[in-house]
Amino acid sequence: MSAEPANALQDHYARGGEQARLEDGLGLVEFERTREILLRRLPAPPAVVTDIGGGPGRYALWLAGLGYTVRLRDIVPLHIEQAVSSAEAASLTVDAAVGDARNLDLAGGSVDVVLLLGPLYHLTDPADRARCLDEAHRVLRPGGVLFVAAFSRWAARLQAEVARTLYRSFGNLRAAVPGVEATGVMPPLFEGSFSAYCHRPDELRGEVEAAGFECLDLVSVKGIAFALSDLDERLGTPQDREVVFDAARALERVPELLGIGPHLIATARRV
């Protein structure tokens, strides 16, 4: 990752929007579904979980509350400040520090679980993604579990263009979409945005396995929820909410539909 994207990344997250992103709408679907997926393979507490690129600590605090020993590393200083403040307010213990997913300050074989729920889609250079996954492999003990999130290759077209009609605000979106689908690289579309990488499902699996992991599962996280214009209303009604989540669960592994949802999670074991 060059200095220019890194600065764009810092500038974007310095705005502070990440702290509340998972509280409602599609962010809430992402949070609840990700917790479901993690609980399928997490070892029992007090196993050591390292949340790499964990932002302001939403998952880190949840895991600490469950009794896990949690280490949080993120490249954005504001996120670490927010995580520390939130942990103190909740009387939870989280080892939080600024860190780069490609060069971690953690001993080899020292953790039971690694979460990479953010870094991979920020790394447009395949060598950087490989270093990130290599570091996760290094710090995990043999048999340890990795959870890694990625953007889908078709998120730009289906979520940004079709569902959210962002081309109305950002005229360069429509011209950018074919390039994203051809190369995986989403360029910055507006001031305050950053470059991102969008994976094909099999490509994500291949990168994980090339780093020395056994891929145990690969799922679509949000399903069709991104396309629902009345999502907030549905989430506020118990039956409607359950229908949204049931659909995401029912279709999460259908091969033909994996890339339709904007967000993937691979679960893997260190071998």
C-alpha atoms as a PDB file:
ATOM      1  CA  MET A   1       0.000   0.000   0.000  1.00  0.00           C
ATOM      2  CA  SER A   2       1.559   3.268  -1.087  1.00  0.00           C
ATOM      3  CA  ALA A   3       1.730   6.392   1.051  1.00  0.00           C
ATOM      4  CA  GLU A   4      -1.095   8.057  -0.891  1.00  0.00           C
ATOM      5  CA  PRO A   5      -3.738   5.367  -0.172  1.00  0.00           C
ATOM      6  CA  ALA A   6      -2.528   5.113   3.426  1.00  0.00           C
ATOM      7  CA  ASN A   7      -3.040   8.864   3.883  1.00  0.00           C
ATOM      8  CA  ALA A   8      -6.469   8.664   2.251  1.00  0.00           C
ATOM      9  CA  LEU A   9      -7.346   5.842   4.632  1.00  0.00           C
ATOM     10  CA  GLN A  10      -6.254   7.865   7.667  1.00  0.00           C
ATOM     11  CA  ASP A  11      -8.143  10.924   6.443  1.00  0.00           C
ATOM     12  CA  HIS A  12     -11.316   8.900   5.927  1.00  0.00           C
ATOM     13  CA  TYR A  13     -11.344   7.267   9.340  1.00  0.00           C
ATOM     14  CA  ALA A  14     -10.208  10.421  11.145  1.00  0.00           C
ATOM     15  CA  ARG A  15     -13.715  11.728  10.458  1.00  0.00           C
ATOM     16  CA  GLY A  16     -14.971   9.373  13.163  1.00  0.00           C
ATOM     17  CA  GLY A  17     -17.816   7.736  11.253  1.00  0.00           C
ATOM     18  CA  GLU A  18     -16.717   4.180  11.950  1.00  0.00           C
ATOM     19  CA  GLN A  19     -17.653   4.263  15.640  1.00  0.00           C
ATOM     20  CA  ALA A  20     -21.410   4.218  14.995  1.00  0.00           C
ATOM     21  CA  ARG A  21     -21.412   2.404  11.627  1.00  0.00           C
ATOM     22  CA  LEU A  22     -22.565  -0.963  12.998  1.00  0.00           C
ATOM     23  CA  GLU A  23     -25.448   0.365  15.067  1.00  0.00           C
ATOM     24  CA  ASP A  24     -28.290   0.414  12.535  1.00  0.00           C
ATOM     25  CA  GLY A  25     -29.341  -0.416   8.998  1.00  0.00           C
ATOM     26  CA  LEU A  26     -26.977  -2.515   6.931  1.00  0.00           C
ATOM     27  CA  GLY A  27     -24.236  -2.021   9.523  1.00  0.00           C
ATOM     28  CA  LEU A  28     -26.423  -3.710  12.135  1.00  0.00           C
ATOM     29  CA  VAL A  29     -27.051  -6.655   9.793  1.00  0.00           C
ATOM     30  CA  GLU A  30     -23.289  -6.918   9.292  1.00  0.00           C
ATOM     31  CA  PHE A  31     -22.620  -6.840  13.044  1.00  0.00           C
ATOM     32  CA  GLU A  32     -25.238  -9.416  14.003  1.00  0.00           C
ATOM     33  CA  ARG A  33     -24.401 -11.778  11.159  1.00  0.00           C
ATOM     34  CA  THR A  34     -20.661 -11.506  11.777  1.00  0.00           C
ATOM     35  CA  ARG A  35     -21.184 -12.403  15.436  1.00  0.00           C
ATOM     36  CA  GLU A  36     -23.189 -15.466  14.370  1.00  0.00           C
ATOM     37  CA  ILE A  37     -20.411 -16.549  12.029  1.00  0.00           C
ATOM     38  CA  LEU A  38     -17.688 -16.044  14.645  1.00  0.00           C
ATOM     39  CA  LEU A  39     -19.564 -18.020  17.292  1.00  0.00           C
ATOM     40  CA  ARG A  40     -19.641 -21.080  15.023  1.00  0.00           C
ATOM     41  CA  ARG A  41     -15.871 -21.578  15.325  1.00  0.00           C
ATOM     42  CA  LEU A  42     -14.640 -19.553  18.291  1.00  0.00           C
ATOM     43  CA  PRO A  43     -12.956 -21.683  20.983  1.00  0.00           C
ATOM     44  CA  ALA A  44     -14.252 -21.253  24.513  1.00  0.00           C
ATOM     45  CA  PRO A  45     -13.127 -18.250  26.572  1.00  0.00           C
ATOM     46  CA  PRO A  46     -10.647 -17.210  27.879  1.00  0.00           C
ATOM     47  CA  ALA A  47      -8.945 -18.031  24.555  1.00  0.00           C
ATOM     48  CA  VAL A  48      -6.764 -15.245  23.159  1.00  0.00           C
ATOM     49  CA  VAL A  49      -8.402 -13.346  20.282  1.00  0.00           C
ATOM     50  CA  THR A  50      -6.507 -10.743  18.292  1.00  0.00           C
ATOM     51  CA  ASP A  51      -8.696  -8.306  16.384  1.00  0.00           C
ATOM     52  CA  ILE A  52      -6.491  -6.883  13.616  1.00  0.00           C
ATOM     53  CA  GLY A  53      -7.855  -3.769  11.963  1.00  0.00           C
ATOM     54  CA  GLY A  54     -10.653  -3.867  14.506  1.00  0.00           C
ATOM     55  CA  GLY A  55     -11.499  -0.181  14.276  1.00  0.00           C
ATOM     56  CA  PRO A  56     -12.989   1.409  17.393  1.00  0.00           C
ATOM     57  CA  GLY A  57     -13.381  -2.016  18.983  1.00  0.00           C
ATOM     58  CA  ARG A  58     -16.987  -3.064  18.514  1.00  0.00           C
ATOM     59  CA  TYR A  59     -16.109  -6.751  18.158  1.00  0.00           C
ATOM     60  CA  ALA A  60     -13.215  -6.527  20.598  1.00  0.00           C
ATOM     61  CA  LEU A  61     -15.485  -5.208  23.360  1.00  0.00           C
ATOM     62  CA  TRP A  62     -18.149  -7.803  22.621  1.00  0.00           C
ATOM     63  CA  LEU A  63     -15.547 -10.579  22.881  1.00  0.00           C
ATOM     64  CA  ALA A  64     -14.048  -9.154  26.065  1.00  0.00           C
ATOM     65  CA  GLY A  65     -17.539  -9.126  27.536  1.00  0.00           C
ATOM     66  CA  LEU A  66     -17.813 -12.842  26.769  1.00  0.00           C
ATOM     67  CA  GLY A  67     -14.639 -13.523  28.735  1.00  0.00           C
ATOM     68  CA  TYR A  68     -12.048 -13.717  25.951  1.00  0.00           C
ATOM     69  CA  THR A  69      -8.556 -12.309  26.283  1.00  0.00           C
ATOM     70  CA  VAL A  70      -8.616  -9.646  23.581  1.00  0.00           C
ATOM     71  CA  ARG A  71      -5.877  -7.799  21.739  1.00  0.00           C
ATOM     72  CA  LEU A  72      -6.876  -5.040  19.351  1.00  0.00           C
ATOM     73  CA  ARG A  73      -4.591  -3.558  16.726  1.00  0.00           C
ATOM     74  CA  ASP A  74      -5.618  -0.860  14.247  1.00  0.00           C
ATOM     75  CA  ILE A  75      -3.671   1.492  12.002  1.00  0.00           C
ATOM     76  CA  VAL A  76      -5.845   4.514  12.895  1.00  0.00           C
ATOM     77  CA  PRO A  77      -4.902   6.209  16.214  1.00  0.00           C
ATOM     78  CA  LEU A  78      -8.426   7.607  16.674  1.00  0.00           C
ATOM     79  CA  HIS A  79      -9.861   4.087  16.622  1.00  0.00           C
ATOM     80  CA  ILE A  80      -7.523   2.976  19.385  1.00  0.00           C
ATOM     81  CA  GLU A  81      -8.431   6.017  21.473  1.00  0.00           C
ATOM     82  CA  GLN A  82     -12.124   5.253  20.997  1.00  0.00           C
ATOM     83  CA  ALA A  83     -11.675   1.577  21.840  1.00  0.00           C
ATOM     84  CA  VAL A  84      -9.737   2.343  25.020  1.00  0.00           C
ATOM     85  CA  SER A  85     -12.364   4.862  26.119  1.00  0.00           C
ATOM     86  CA  SER A  86     -15.221   2.439  25.420  1.00  0.00           C
ATOM     87  CA  ALA A  87     -13.472  -0.402  27.252  1.00  0.00           C
ATOM     88  CA  GLU A  88     -12.886   1.779  30.292  1.00  0.00           C
ATOM     89  CA  ALA A  89     -16.502   2.932  30.301  1.00  0.00           C
ATOM     90  CA  ALA A  90     -17.675  -0.696  30.191  1.00  0.00           C
ATOM     91  CA  SER A  91     -15.099  -1.886  32.763  1.00  0.00           C
ATOM     92  CA  LEU A  92     -13.624  -4.294  30.205  1.00  0.00           C
ATOM     93  CA  THR A  93      -9.994  -5.181  29.573  1.00  0.00           C
ATOM     94  CA  VAL A  94      -8.723  -4.895  25.990  1.00  0.00           C
ATOM     95  CA  ASP A  95      -5.045  -4.689  25.037  1.00  0.00           C
ATOM     96  CA  ALA A  96      -5.343  -1.986  22.358  1.00  0.00           C
ATOM     97  CA  ALA A  97      -2.520  -0.392  20.369  1.00  0.00           C
ATOM     98  CA  VAL A  98      -1.813   1.158  16.992  1.00  0.00           C
ATOM     99  CA  GLY A  99      -0.504  -1.502  14.607  1.00  0.00           C
ATOM    100  CA  ASP A 100      -0.175  -2.490  10.965  1.00  0.00           C
ATOM    101  CA  ALA A 101      -1.714  -5.798   9.847  1.00  0.00           C
ATOM    102  CA  ARG A 102       1.364  -6.437   7.679  1.00  0.00           C
ATOM    103  CA  ASN A 103       3.828  -6.137  10.568  1.00  0.00           C
ATOM    104  CA  LEU A 104       2.366  -7.072  13.933  1.00  0.00           C
ATOM    105  CA  ASP A 105       3.982  -6.535  17.326  1.00  0.00           C
ATOM    106  CA  LEU A 106       2.872  -9.988  18.511  1.00  0.00           C
ATOM    107  CA  ALA A 107       4.903 -13.112  19.183  1.00  0.00           C
ATOM    108  CA  GLY A 108       4.622 -16.108  16.877  1.00  0.00           C
ATOM    109  CA  GLY A 109       2.104 -18.755  17.928  1.00  0.00           C
ATOM    110  CA  SER A 110       0.776 -16.545  20.717  1.00  0.00           C
ATOM    111  CA  VAL A 111      -2.954 -16.329  19.907  1.00  0.00           C
ATOM    112  CA  ASP A 112      -5.861 -18.708  19.402  1.00  0.00           C
ATOM    113  CA  VAL A 113      -7.960 -16.607  17.023  1.00  0.00           C
ATOM    114  CA  VAL A 114      -7.247 -13.813  14.545  1.00  0.00           C
ATOM    115  CA  LEU A 115      -9.954 -11.534  13.188  1.00  0.00           C
ATOM    116  CA  LEU A 116      -9.146  -9.775   9.907  1.00  0.00           C
ATOM    117  CA  LEU A 117     -12.517  -8.129   9.435  1.00  0.00           C
ATOM    118  CA  GLY A 118     -11.146  -4.961   7.855  1.00  0.00           C
ATOM    119  CA  PRO A 119      -7.577  -5.059   6.530  1.00  0.00           C
ATOM    120  CA  LEU A 120      -7.876  -7.167   3.381  1.00  0.00           C
ATOM    121  CA  TYR A 121     -10.210  -4.872   1.480  1.00  0.00           C
ATOM    122  CA  HIS A 122      -7.930  -1.913   2.235  1.00  0.00           C
ATOM    123  CA  LEU A 123      -4.965  -3.604   0.542  1.00  0.00           C
ATOM    124  CA  THR A 124      -5.107  -3.289  -3.232  1.00  0.00           C
ATOM    125  CA  ASP A 125      -1.618  -4.763  -3.747  1.00  0.00           C
ATOM    126  CA  PRO A 126      -1.710  -8.594  -3.669  1.00  0.00           C
ATOM    127  CA  ALA A 127       1.732  -8.627  -2.020  1.00  0.00           C
ATOM    128  CA  ASP A 128       0.322  -6.580   0.867  1.00  0.00           C
ATOM    129  CA  ARG A 129      -2.632  -8.939   1.244  1.00  0.00           C
ATOM    130  CA  ALA A 130      -0.206 -11.874   1.285  1.00  0.00           C
ATOM    131  CA  ARG A 131       1.893 -10.206   4.012  1.00  0.00           C
ATOM    132  CA  CYS A 132      -1.246  -9.545   6.048  1.00  0.00           C
ATOM    133  CA  LEU A 133      -2.304 -13.195   5.845  1.00  0.00           C
ATOM    134  CA  ASP A 134       1.258 -14.369   6.530  1.00  0.00           C
ATOM    135  CA  GLU A 135       1.305 -12.291   9.718  1.00  0.00           C
ATOM    136  CA  ALA A 136      -1.995 -13.803  10.811  1.00  0.00           C
ATOM    137  CA  HIS A 137      -0.529 -17.253  10.188  1.00  0.00           C
ATOM    138  CA  ARG A 138       2.638 -16.385  12.137  1.00  0.00           C
ATOM    139  CA  VAL A 139       0.896 -15.158  15.302  1.00  0.00           C
ATOM    140  CA  LEU A 140      -1.666 -17.984  15.393  1.00  0.00           C
ATOM    141  CA  ARG A 141      -0.874 -21.188  17.205  1.00  0.00           C
ATOM    142  CA  PRO A 142      -1.158 -24.408  15.124  1.00  0.00           C
ATOM    143  CA  GLY A 143      -4.846 -25.182  14.787  1.00  0.00           C
ATOM    144  CA  GLY A 144      -5.799 -21.577  15.528  1.00  0.00           C
ATOM    145  CA  VAL A 145      -8.753 -20.014  13.741  1.00  0.00           C
ATOM    146  CA  LEU A 146      -8.768 -17.121  11.281  1.00  0.00           C
ATOM    147  CA  PHE A 147     -11.809 -15.089  10.259  1.00  0.00           C
ATOM    148  CA  VAL A 148     -11.196 -12.834   7.258  1.00  0.00           C
ATOM    149  CA  ALA A 149     -13.660 -10.444   5.632  1.00  0.00           C
ATOM    150  CA  ALA A 150     -13.632  -9.133   2.075  1.00  0.00           C
ATOM    151  CA  PHE A 151     -15.712  -7.000  -0.255  1.00  0.00           C
ATOM    152  CA  SER A 152     -17.372  -8.862  -3.117  1.00  0.00           C
ATOM    153  CA  ARG A 153     -16.202  -8.121  -6.659  1.00  0.00           C
ATOM    154  CA  TRP A 154     -19.730  -7.005  -7.560  1.00  0.00           C
ATOM    155  CA  ALA A 155     -20.399  -4.739  -4.561  1.00  0.00           C
ATOM    156  CA  ALA A 156     -19.692  -1.600  -6.582  1.00  0.00           C
ATOM    157  CA  ARG A 157     -22.308  -2.411  -9.199  1.00  0.00           C
ATOM    158  CA  LEU A 158     -24.989  -4.026  -7.049  1.00  0.00           C
ATOM    159  CA  GLN A 159     -24.762  -2.064  -3.793  1.00  0.00           C
ATOM    160  CA  ALA A 160     -23.274   1.292  -4.753  1.00  0.00           C
ATOM    161  CA  GLU A 161     -24.722   1.692  -8.248  1.00  0.00           C
ATOM    162  CA  VAL A 162     -28.001  -0.237  -8.385  1.00  0.00           C
ATOM    163  CA  ALA A 163     -29.231  -0.273  -4.773  1.00  0.00           C
ATOM    164  CA  ARG A 164     -27.900   3.055  -3.503  1.00  0.00           C
ATOM    165  CA  THR A 165     -27.909   4.961  -6.837  1.00  0.00           C
ATOM    166  CA  LEU A 166     -24.669   6.679  -5.829  1.00  0.00           C
ATOM    167  CA  TYR A 167     -24.021   7.589  -9.465  1.00  0.00           C
ATOM    168  CA  ARG A 168     -26.499  10.419  -8.918  1.00  0.00           C
ATOM    169  CA  SER A 169     -24.064  12.007  -6.459  1.00  0.00           C
ATOM    170  CA  PHE A 170     -20.783  10.713  -7.864  1.00  0.00           C
ATOM    171  CA  GLY A 171     -20.732  10.946 -11.633  1.00  0.00           C
ATOM    172  CA  ASN A 172     -17.538   8.907 -11.938  1.00  0.00           C
ATOM    173  CA  LEU A 173     -19.087   5.780 -10.399  1.00  0.00           C
ATOM    174  CA  ARG A 174     -20.580   4.327 -13.578  1.00  0.00           C
ATOM    175  CA  ALA A 175     -17.324   4.723 -15.460  1.00  0.00           C
ATOM    176  CA  ALA A 176     -15.402   3.058 -12.611  1.00  0.00           C
ATOM    177  CA  VAL A 177     -17.571  -0.054 -12.199  1.00  0.00           C
ATOM    178  CA  PRO A 178     -16.333  -2.055 -15.233  1.00  0.00           C
ATOM    179  CA  GLY A 179     -12.742  -1.538 -14.081  1.00  0.00           C
ATOM    180  CA  VAL A 180     -13.599  -2.734 -10.584  1.00  0.00           C
ATOM    181  CA  GLU A 181     -15.129  -5.905 -11.994  1.00  0.00           C
ATOM    182  CA  ALA A 182     -12.128  -6.490 -14.251  1.00  0.00           C
ATOM    183  CA  THR A 183      -9.342  -5.802 -11.733  1.00  0.00           C
ATOM    184  CA  GLY A 184     -10.928  -5.805  -8.278  1.00  0.00           C
ATOM    185  CA  VAL A 185      -9.574  -2.322  -7.528  1.00  0.00           C
ATOM    186  CA  MET A 186     -12.095   0.353  -6.567  1.00  0.00           C
ATOM    187  CA  PRO A 187     -10.524   3.829  -6.942  1.00  0.00           C
ATOM    188  CA  PRO A 188     -11.450   6.721  -4.633  1.00  0.00           C
ATOM    189  CA  LEU A 189     -14.728   8.130  -5.942  1.00  0.00           C
ATOM    190  CA  PHE A 190     -14.991  11.317  -3.905  1.00  0.00           C
ATOM    191  CA  GLU A 191     -13.068  13.441  -1.430  1.00  0.00           C
ATOM    192  CA  GLY A 192     -12.606  11.505   1.794  1.00  0.00           C
ATOM    193  CA  SER A 193     -12.891   8.056   0.180  1.00  0.00           C
ATOM    194  CA  PHE A 194     -10.094   5.547  -0.373  1.00  0.00           C
ATOM    195  CA  SER A 195      -9.082   2.755  -2.722  1.00  0.00           C
ATOM    196  CA  ALA A 196     -10.462  -0.688  -1.930  1.00  0.00           C
ATOM    197  CA  TYR A 197     -10.049  -4.236  -3.174  1.00  0.00           C
ATOM    198  CA  CYS A 198     -13.039  -6.413  -4.099  1.00  0.00           C
ATOM    199  CA  HIS A 199     -12.568 -10.193  -4.189  1.00  0.00           C
ATOM    200  CA  ARG A 200     -14.136 -12.941  -6.193  1.00  0.00           C
ATOM    201  CA  PRO A 201     -15.161 -15.685  -3.708  1.00  0.00           C
ATOM    202  CA  ASP A 202     -12.733 -18.277  -5.109  1.00  0.00           C
ATOM    203  CA  GLU A 203      -9.967 -15.673  -5.150  1.00  0.00           C
ATOM    204  CA  LEU A 204     -10.460 -15.026  -1.425  1.00  0.00           C
ATOM    205  CA  ARG A 205     -10.355 -18.751  -0.723  1.00  0.00           C
ATOM    206  CA  GLY A 206      -7.195 -19.078  -2.807  1.00  0.00           C
ATOM    207  CA  GLU A 207      -5.363 -16.260  -1.026  1.00  0.00           C
ATOM    208  CA  VAL A 208      -6.237 -17.726   2.370  1.00  0.00           C
ATOM    209  CA  GLU A 209      -5.070 -21.203   1.392  1.00  0.00           C
ATOM    210  CA  ALA A 210      -1.870 -19.869  -0.210  1.00  0.00           C
ATOM    211  CA  ALA A 211      -0.942 -18.415   3.199  1.00  0.00           C
ATOM    212  CA  GLY A 212      -0.974 -21.871   4.799  1.00  0.00           C
ATOM    213  CA  PHE A 213      -4.552 -22.072   6.041  1.00  0.00           C
ATOM    214  CA  GLU A 214      -7.235 -24.703   5.536  1.00  0.00           C
ATOM    215  CA  CYS A 215     -10.384 -22.863   4.467  1.00  0.00           C
ATOM    216  CA  LEU A 216     -13.247 -24.275   6.541  1.00  0.00           C
ATOM    217  CA  ASP A 217     -16.088 -22.074   5.339  1.00  0.00           C
ATOM    218  CA  LEU A 218     -16.840 -19.158   3.016  1.00  0.00           C
ATOM    219  CA  VAL A 219     -20.120 -17.310   3.335  1.00  0.00           C
ATOM    220  CA  SER A 220     -21.965 -14.255   2.138  1.00  0.00           C
ATOM    221  CA  VAL A 221     -22.701 -12.154   5.213  1.00  0.00           C
ATOM    222  CA  LYS A 222     -25.596  -9.816   4.416  1.00  0.00           C
ATOM    223  CA  GLY A 223     -27.387 -11.576   1.601  1.00  0.00           C
ATOM    224  CA  ILE A 224     -29.918  -9.383  -0.193  1.00  0.00           C
ATOM    225  CA  ALA A 225     -30.348  -6.965   2.738  1.00  0.00           C
ATOM    226  CA  PHE A 226     -28.281  -4.312   0.952  1.00  0.00           C
ATOM    227  CA  ALA A 227     -31.014  -3.982  -1.710  1.00  0.00           C
ATOM    228  CA  LEU A 228     -33.915  -3.308   0.679  1.00  0.00           C
ATOM    229  CA  SER A 229     -34.884   0.366   0.634  1.00  0.00           C
ATOM    230  CA  ASP A 230     -37.027  -0.167   3.755  1.00  0.00           C
ATOM    231  CA  LEU A 231     -34.375  -2.098   5.686  1.00  0.00           C
ATOM    232  CA  ASP A 232     -34.520   0.114   8.795  1.00  0.00           C
ATOM    233  CA  GLU A 233     -38.275  -0.351   9.011  1.00  0.00           C
ATOM    234  CA  ARG A 234     -37.968  -4.110   8.612  1.00  0.00           C
ATOM    235  CA  LEU A 235     -35.311  -4.360  11.308  1.00  0.00           C
ATOM    236  CA  GLY A 236     -37.697  -2.627  13.696  1.00  0.00           C
ATOM    237  CA  THR A 237     -40.398  -5.301  13.282  1.00  0.00           C
ATOM    238  CA  PRO A 238     -39.606  -8.734  14.811  1.00  0.00           C
ATOM    239  CA  GLN A 239     -41.114 -10.875  12.035  1.00  0.00           C
ATOM    240  CA  ASP A 240     -39.709  -8.752   9.216  1.00  0.00           C
ATOM    241  CA  ARG A 241     -36.302  -8.709  10.897  1.00  0.00           C
ATOM    242  CA  GLU A 242     -36.278 -12.491  11.195  1.00  0.00           C
ATOM    243  CA  VAL A 243     -37.152 -12.875   7.505  1.00  0.00           C
ATOM    244  CA  VAL A 244     -34.150 -10.709   6.540  1.00  0.00           C
ATOM    245  CA  PHE A 245     -31.760 -12.720   8.709  1.00  0.00           C
ATOM    246  CA  ASP A 246     -33.252 -16.091   7.751  1.00  0.00           C
ATOM    247  CA  ALA A 247     -32.723 -15.266   4.075  1.00  0.00           C
ATOM    248  CA  ALA A 248     -29.092 -14.341   4.690  1.00  0.00           C
ATOM    249  CA  ARG A 249     -28.517 -17.621   6.548  1.00  0.00           C
ATOM    250  CA  ALA A 250     -30.360 -19.771   4.003  1.00  0.00           C
ATOM    251  CA  LEU A 251     -28.385 -18.445   1.027  1.00  0.00           C
ATOM    252  CA  GLU A 252     -25.000 -17.829   2.626  1.00  0.00           C
ATOM    253  CA  ARG A 253     -23.212 -20.778   0.966  1.00  0.00           C
ATOM    254  CA  VAL A 254     -25.100 -21.109  -2.337  1.00  0.00           C
ATOM    255  CA  PRO A 255     -22.219 -21.065  -4.853  1.00  0.00           C
ATOM    256  CA  GLU A 256     -24.147 -19.191  -7.530  1.00  0.00           C
ATOM    257  CA  LEU A 257     -25.084 -16.433  -5.060  1.00  0.00           C
ATOM    258  CA  LEU A 258     -21.913 -15.977  -3.009  1.00  0.00           C
ATOM    259  CA  GLY A 259     -20.797 -12.865  -4.844  1.00  0.00           C
ATOM    260  CA  ILE A 260     -24.177 -11.122  -4.916  1.00  0.00           C
ATOM    261  CA  GLY A 261     -23.938  -9.944  -1.325  1.00  0.00           C
ATOM    262  CA  PRO A 262     -21.383  -7.148  -0.846  1.00  0.00           C
ATOM    263  CA  HIS A 263     -19.506  -8.776   2.025  1.00  0.00           C
ATOM    264  CA  LEU A 264     -17.803 -12.180   2.402  1.00  0.00           C
ATOM    265  CA  ILE A 265     -16.233 -13.939   5.399  1.00  0.00           C
ATOM    266  CA  ALA A 266     -13.856 -16.878   5.124  1.00  0.00           C
ATOM    267  CA  THR A 267     -13.211 -19.060   8.165  1.00  0.00           C
ATOM    268  CA  ALA A 268      -9.908 -20.956   8.181  1.00  0.00           C
ATOM    269  CA  ARG A 269      -7.606 -23.050  10.375  1.00  0.00           C
ATOM    270  CA  ARG A 270      -3.836 -22.588  10.649  1.00  0.00           C
ATOM    271  CA  VAL A 271      -2.052 -25.742   9.470  1.00  0.00           C
END
